[in-house]
């Protein structure tokens, strides 16, 4: 079969410069904004004409940091505790035969820089975007089919919404966070939004451990621990 060449239409700027801390599903982070900068061969005003009619969009993108890593036919999804193996096509693993991802995001339209603004992103900063399509409820949300069909809609092992963790920010960080908010509005909301997903490895989730973790948002490193099922933020520093 002939090999295909995929040409990115642009790249997306996001708060996530490291993989650790990025949620595994896009809509888990309602506070995370992304800005799609189009390549020169795309005219944003023409290509996005009519897009304002749609509240949500599908982004097709490349797992660009995984291209050289290859893939395995079987994976251990976090929702199964990282222990049970299933086929790669029954997972959302980032290591795939073709490193293509799909994310559902909220559409906030073109800004004055001709960037497409979206919310609810789960993408690494500067991820290549290869396509954008509108979300169409009757076609993309099969739950309405249960009214007309005897077959149930099933999400398999991911049927339930993951439980969120409680996040507590050290009182001593309030002044620093206030200063950060001047430069990055919504930073605290985003930080809580990220940490309540409990980014730790699956086998450690909902458990107390003595390890100190660090995630990076924008150019800030945030240190935290999980104690008695509560995530405690202890330090924030600028890089």
Protein backbone atom coordinates (compact mmCIF):
# COMPACT_ATOMS: atom_id res chain seq x y z
CA UNK A 1 0.00 0.00 0.00
CA UNK A 2 1.23 3.50 -0.84
CA UNK A 3 2.59 5.51 2.08
CA UNK A 4 0.79 8.77 2.79
CA UNK A 5 2.35 12.12 3.65
CA UNK A 6 0.43 14.17 6.23
CA UNK A 7 1.02 17.92 6.22
CA UNK A 8 0.14 19.72 9.47
CA UNK A 9 -2.23 22.67 9.11
CA UNK A 10 -0.74 24.34 12.17
CA UNK A 11 0.40 23.85 15.74
CA UNK A 12 -1.22 24.53 19.09
CA UNK A 13 0.15 26.53 22.00
CA UNK A 14 -0.93 25.07 25.36
CA UNK A 15 0.09 25.37 29.05
CA UNK A 16 1.70 21.91 28.95
CA UNK A 17 5.42 21.77 28.16
CA UNK A 18 5.78 18.29 29.71
CA UNK A 19 3.71 15.13 29.30
CA UNK A 20 3.32 14.55 33.05
CA UNK A 21 0.16 16.28 34.24
CA UNK A 22 -1.65 16.34 30.90
CA UNK A 23 -5.07 14.71 31.34
CA UNK A 24 -5.83 11.54 29.42
CA UNK A 25 -9.08 12.95 28.03
CA UNK A 26 -9.60 16.44 26.64
CA UNK A 27 -12.83 17.49 28.34
CA UNK A 28 -11.38 16.68 31.78
CA UNK A 29 -9.68 20.09 31.70
CA UNK A 30 -12.29 22.75 31.02
CA UNK A 31 -9.86 25.50 32.13
CA UNK A 32 -7.03 24.64 29.73
CA UNK A 33 -6.88 26.96 26.72
CA UNK A 34 -5.10 26.35 23.44
CA UNK A 35 -4.23 28.64 20.52
CA UNK A 36 -3.93 27.10 17.06
CA UNK A 37 -1.49 28.99 14.84
CA UNK A 38 -2.09 28.08 11.20
CA UNK A 39 0.65 27.36 8.67
CA UNK A 40 1.22 29.76 5.79
CA UNK A 41 -0.68 27.59 3.27
CA UNK A 42 -3.90 27.93 5.33
CA UNK A 43 -6.01 31.11 5.22
CA UNK A 44 -7.67 31.08 8.67
CA UNK A 45 -10.52 33.42 7.77
CA UNK A 46 -11.50 31.37 4.74
CA UNK A 47 -10.82 27.93 6.22
CA UNK A 48 -12.74 28.74 9.43
CA UNK A 49 -15.70 30.41 7.74
CA UNK A 50 -18.90 29.07 9.32
CA UNK A 51 -17.03 27.44 12.21
CA UNK A 52 -18.60 29.91 14.66
CA UNK A 53 -21.87 27.98 14.30
CA UNK A 54 -20.39 25.05 16.23
CA UNK A 55 -19.77 25.01 19.99
CA UNK A 56 -17.29 22.11 19.90
CA UNK A 57 -14.63 20.85 17.50
CA UNK A 58 -12.68 17.68 16.84
CA UNK A 59 -8.91 18.20 16.61
CA UNK A 60 -6.85 15.58 14.80
CA UNK A 61 -3.20 15.82 15.78
CA UNK A 62 0.13 14.00 15.87
CA UNK A 63 1.75 12.50 18.95
CA UNK A 64 4.93 14.10 17.68
CA UNK A 65 7.14 13.06 20.62
CA UNK A 66 6.20 9.39 20.21
CA UNK A 67 6.91 8.95 16.50
CA UNK A 68 10.29 7.25 17.00
CA UNK A 69 9.10 5.15 19.96
CA UNK A 70 7.04 2.69 17.92
CA UNK A 71 4.08 0.83 19.36
CA UNK A 72 2.93 -2.42 20.92
CA UNK A 73 -0.15 -4.46 19.99
CA UNK A 74 -1.15 -4.50 23.66
CA UNK A 75 -1.14 -1.79 26.32
CA UNK A 76 -1.97 -1.38 30.02
CA UNK A 77 -4.61 1.38 30.29
CA UNK A 78 -4.61 3.47 33.49
CA UNK A 79 -8.35 2.92 33.94
CA UNK A 80 -7.57 -0.76 34.58
CA UNK A 81 -4.96 0.10 37.19
CA UNK A 82 -2.04 -0.31 34.81
CA UNK A 83 -2.07 -4.08 35.34
CA UNK A 84 -4.41 -5.64 32.77
CA UNK A 85 -3.41 -5.76 29.10
CA UNK A 86 -5.78 -4.96 26.25
CA UNK A 87 -5.33 -4.34 22.52
CA UNK A 88 -4.02 -0.96 21.44
CA UNK A 89 -7.20 -0.34 19.39
CA UNK A 90 -9.29 -0.78 22.55
CA UNK A 91 -7.35 2.03 24.23
CA UNK A 92 -6.50 5.71 23.96
CA UNK A 93 -2.79 4.96 24.20
CA UNK A 94 -0.48 7.59 22.70
CA UNK A 95 1.75 4.83 21.28
CA UNK A 96 -0.11 3.73 18.15
CA UNK A 97 0.67 2.21 14.72
CA UNK A 98 0.11 5.71 13.32
CA UNK A 99 0.70 8.40 15.98
CA UNK A 100 -2.61 10.20 15.42
CA UNK A 101 -4.77 11.56 18.24
CA UNK A 102 -8.29 12.96 18.43
CA UNK A 103 -9.53 15.53 20.96
CA UNK A 104 -12.91 17.14 21.53
CA UNK A 105 -12.56 20.82 22.48
CA UNK A 106 -14.77 23.86 22.96
CA UNK A 107 -14.64 26.40 20.14
CA UNK A 108 -13.88 30.01 21.14
CA UNK A 109 -13.34 31.32 17.61
CA UNK A 110 -10.57 33.25 15.87
CA UNK A 111 -8.76 35.95 17.82
CA UNK A 112 -7.22 39.13 16.42
CA UNK A 113 -3.99 37.20 15.70
CA UNK A 114 -5.95 34.84 13.42
CA UNK A 115 -5.39 32.01 15.88
CA UNK A 116 -8.21 29.58 16.61
CA UNK A 117 -8.86 29.62 20.36
CA UNK A 118 -10.10 26.39 21.98
CA UNK A 119 -10.76 25.21 25.55
CA UNK A 120 -10.48 21.81 27.22
CA UNK A 121 -7.18 20.88 25.57
CA UNK A 122 -5.12 17.83 26.55
CA UNK A 123 -2.24 18.45 24.15
CA UNK A 124 1.46 19.05 24.63
CA UNK A 125 2.63 22.54 23.73
CA UNK A 126 3.42 22.89 20.00
CA UNK A 127 1.58 19.70 19.04
CA UNK A 128 1.09 19.57 15.23
CA UNK A 129 -2.58 19.83 14.23
CA UNK A 130 -3.50 17.90 11.08
CA UNK A 131 -7.25 18.56 10.81
CA UNK A 132 -10.23 20.31 12.43
CA UNK A 133 -13.84 19.17 12.12
CA UNK A 134 -17.06 20.44 13.75
CA UNK A 135 -18.73 18.34 16.44
CA UNK A 136 -22.22 17.38 15.24
CA UNK A 137 -24.46 16.13 18.02
CA UNK A 138 -26.74 13.75 16.12
CA UNK A 139 -23.78 12.07 14.41
CA UNK A 140 -21.12 12.20 17.13
CA UNK A 141 -23.16 11.46 20.26
CA UNK A 142 -24.68 7.98 19.90
CA UNK A 143 -26.63 8.06 23.18
CA UNK A 144 -29.74 9.24 21.32
CA UNK A 145 -29.70 5.94 19.42
CA UNK A 146 -30.75 4.07 22.56
CA UNK A 147 -34.25 5.45 22.10
CA UNK A 148 -34.55 3.74 18.72
CA UNK A 149 -32.32 0.72 19.04
CA UNK A 150 -32.25 -2.29 21.33
CA UNK A 151 -28.46 -2.16 21.48
CA UNK A 152 -26.99 -0.27 24.43
CA UNK A 153 -24.23 2.30 24.05
CA UNK A 154 -21.22 1.05 25.99
CA UNK A 155 -17.86 2.56 26.91
CA UNK A 156 -16.43 -0.71 28.16
CA UNK A 157 -13.98 -0.41 31.04
CA UNK A 158 -14.25 3.43 30.86
CA UNK A 159 -18.00 3.56 31.48
CA UNK A 160 -17.82 5.72 34.62
CA UNK A 161 -16.39 9.21 35.04
CA UNK A 162 -13.15 9.13 37.08
CA UNK A 163 -13.43 10.38 40.65
CA UNK A 164 -11.79 13.76 41.27
CA UNK A 165 -9.27 14.34 44.04
CA UNK A 166 -9.48 17.17 46.56
CA UNK A 167 -6.78 19.81 46.08
CA UNK A 168 -5.45 22.02 48.89
CA UNK A 169 -3.08 24.91 48.15
CA UNK A 170 -0.70 26.06 50.89
CA UNK A 171 -1.79 29.40 52.37
CA UNK A 172 1.74 30.75 51.97
CA UNK A 173 1.33 30.62 48.18
CA UNK A 174 -1.61 33.05 47.99
CA UNK A 175 0.47 36.17 47.34
CA UNK A 176 2.58 34.40 44.73
CA UNK A 177 -0.51 33.02 43.01
CA UNK A 178 -2.05 36.48 42.94
CA UNK A 179 1.05 37.79 41.14
CA UNK A 180 1.01 34.88 38.69
CA UNK A 181 -2.67 35.52 37.93
CA UNK A 182 -1.74 39.01 36.68
CA UNK A 183 0.36 37.41 33.95
CA UNK A 184 -1.61 34.16 33.51
CA UNK A 185 -5.31 34.80 34.28
CA UNK A 186 -7.05 31.64 35.48
CA UNK A 187 -3.77 29.99 36.56
CA UNK A 188 -5.12 28.78 39.92
CA UNK A 189 -8.29 27.35 38.37
CA UNK A 190 -6.15 25.53 35.79
CA UNK A 191 -3.79 24.22 38.47
CA UNK A 192 -6.67 22.79 40.50
CA UNK A 193 -8.28 21.44 37.34
CA UNK A 194 -5.08 19.54 36.50
CA UNK A 195 -4.31 18.20 39.97
CA UNK A 196 -7.83 17.04 40.76
CA UNK A 197 -7.30 14.47 37.99
CA UNK A 198 -4.50 13.00 40.16
CA UNK A 199 -1.75 12.76 37.49
CA UNK A 200 0.16 10.05 39.36
CA UNK A 201 0.75 6.61 37.80
CA UNK A 202 -2.35 4.41 37.91
CA UNK A 203 -1.00 2.05 40.56
CA UNK A 204 -0.49 4.96 42.98
CA UNK A 205 -3.85 6.69 42.48
CA UNK A 206 -6.13 7.21 45.47
CA UNK A 207 -3.30 6.12 47.75
CA UNK A 208 -0.99 7.96 50.11
CA UNK A 209 2.68 7.87 49.19
CA UNK A 210 5.72 9.74 50.41
CA UNK A 211 6.86 10.88 47.00
CA UNK A 212 6.94 14.56 46.04
CA UNK A 213 5.78 15.26 42.48
CA UNK A 214 6.31 18.21 40.18
CA UNK A 215 4.24 19.30 37.21
CA UNK A 216 4.91 22.22 34.89
CA UNK A 217 2.30 24.72 33.71
CA UNK A 218 3.54 27.41 31.35
CA UNK A 219 6.95 28.33 32.83
CA UNK A 220 6.07 27.41 36.42
CA UNK A 221 6.99 24.24 38.30
CA UNK A 222 4.48 23.16 40.95
CA UNK A 223 5.44 20.75 43.75
CA UNK A 224 2.79 18.60 45.43
CA UNK A 225 2.09 15.47 47.43
CA UNK A 226 -0.89 13.13 47.81
CA UNK A 227 -1.69 12.56 51.49
CA UNK A 228 -4.80 10.73 52.70
CA UNK A 229 -6.43 11.07 49.25
CA UNK A 230 -5.89 14.85 49.28
CA UNK A 231 -3.40 16.58 46.98
CA UNK A 232 -1.39 19.28 48.77
CA UNK A 233 0.38 21.98 46.74
CA UNK A 234 3.51 23.11 48.61
CA UNK A 235 5.71 25.14 46.25
CA UNK A 236 5.57 27.08 42.99
CA UNK A 237 8.60 28.54 41.27
CA UNK A 238 9.30 30.20 37.96
CA UNK A 239 11.76 28.62 35.56
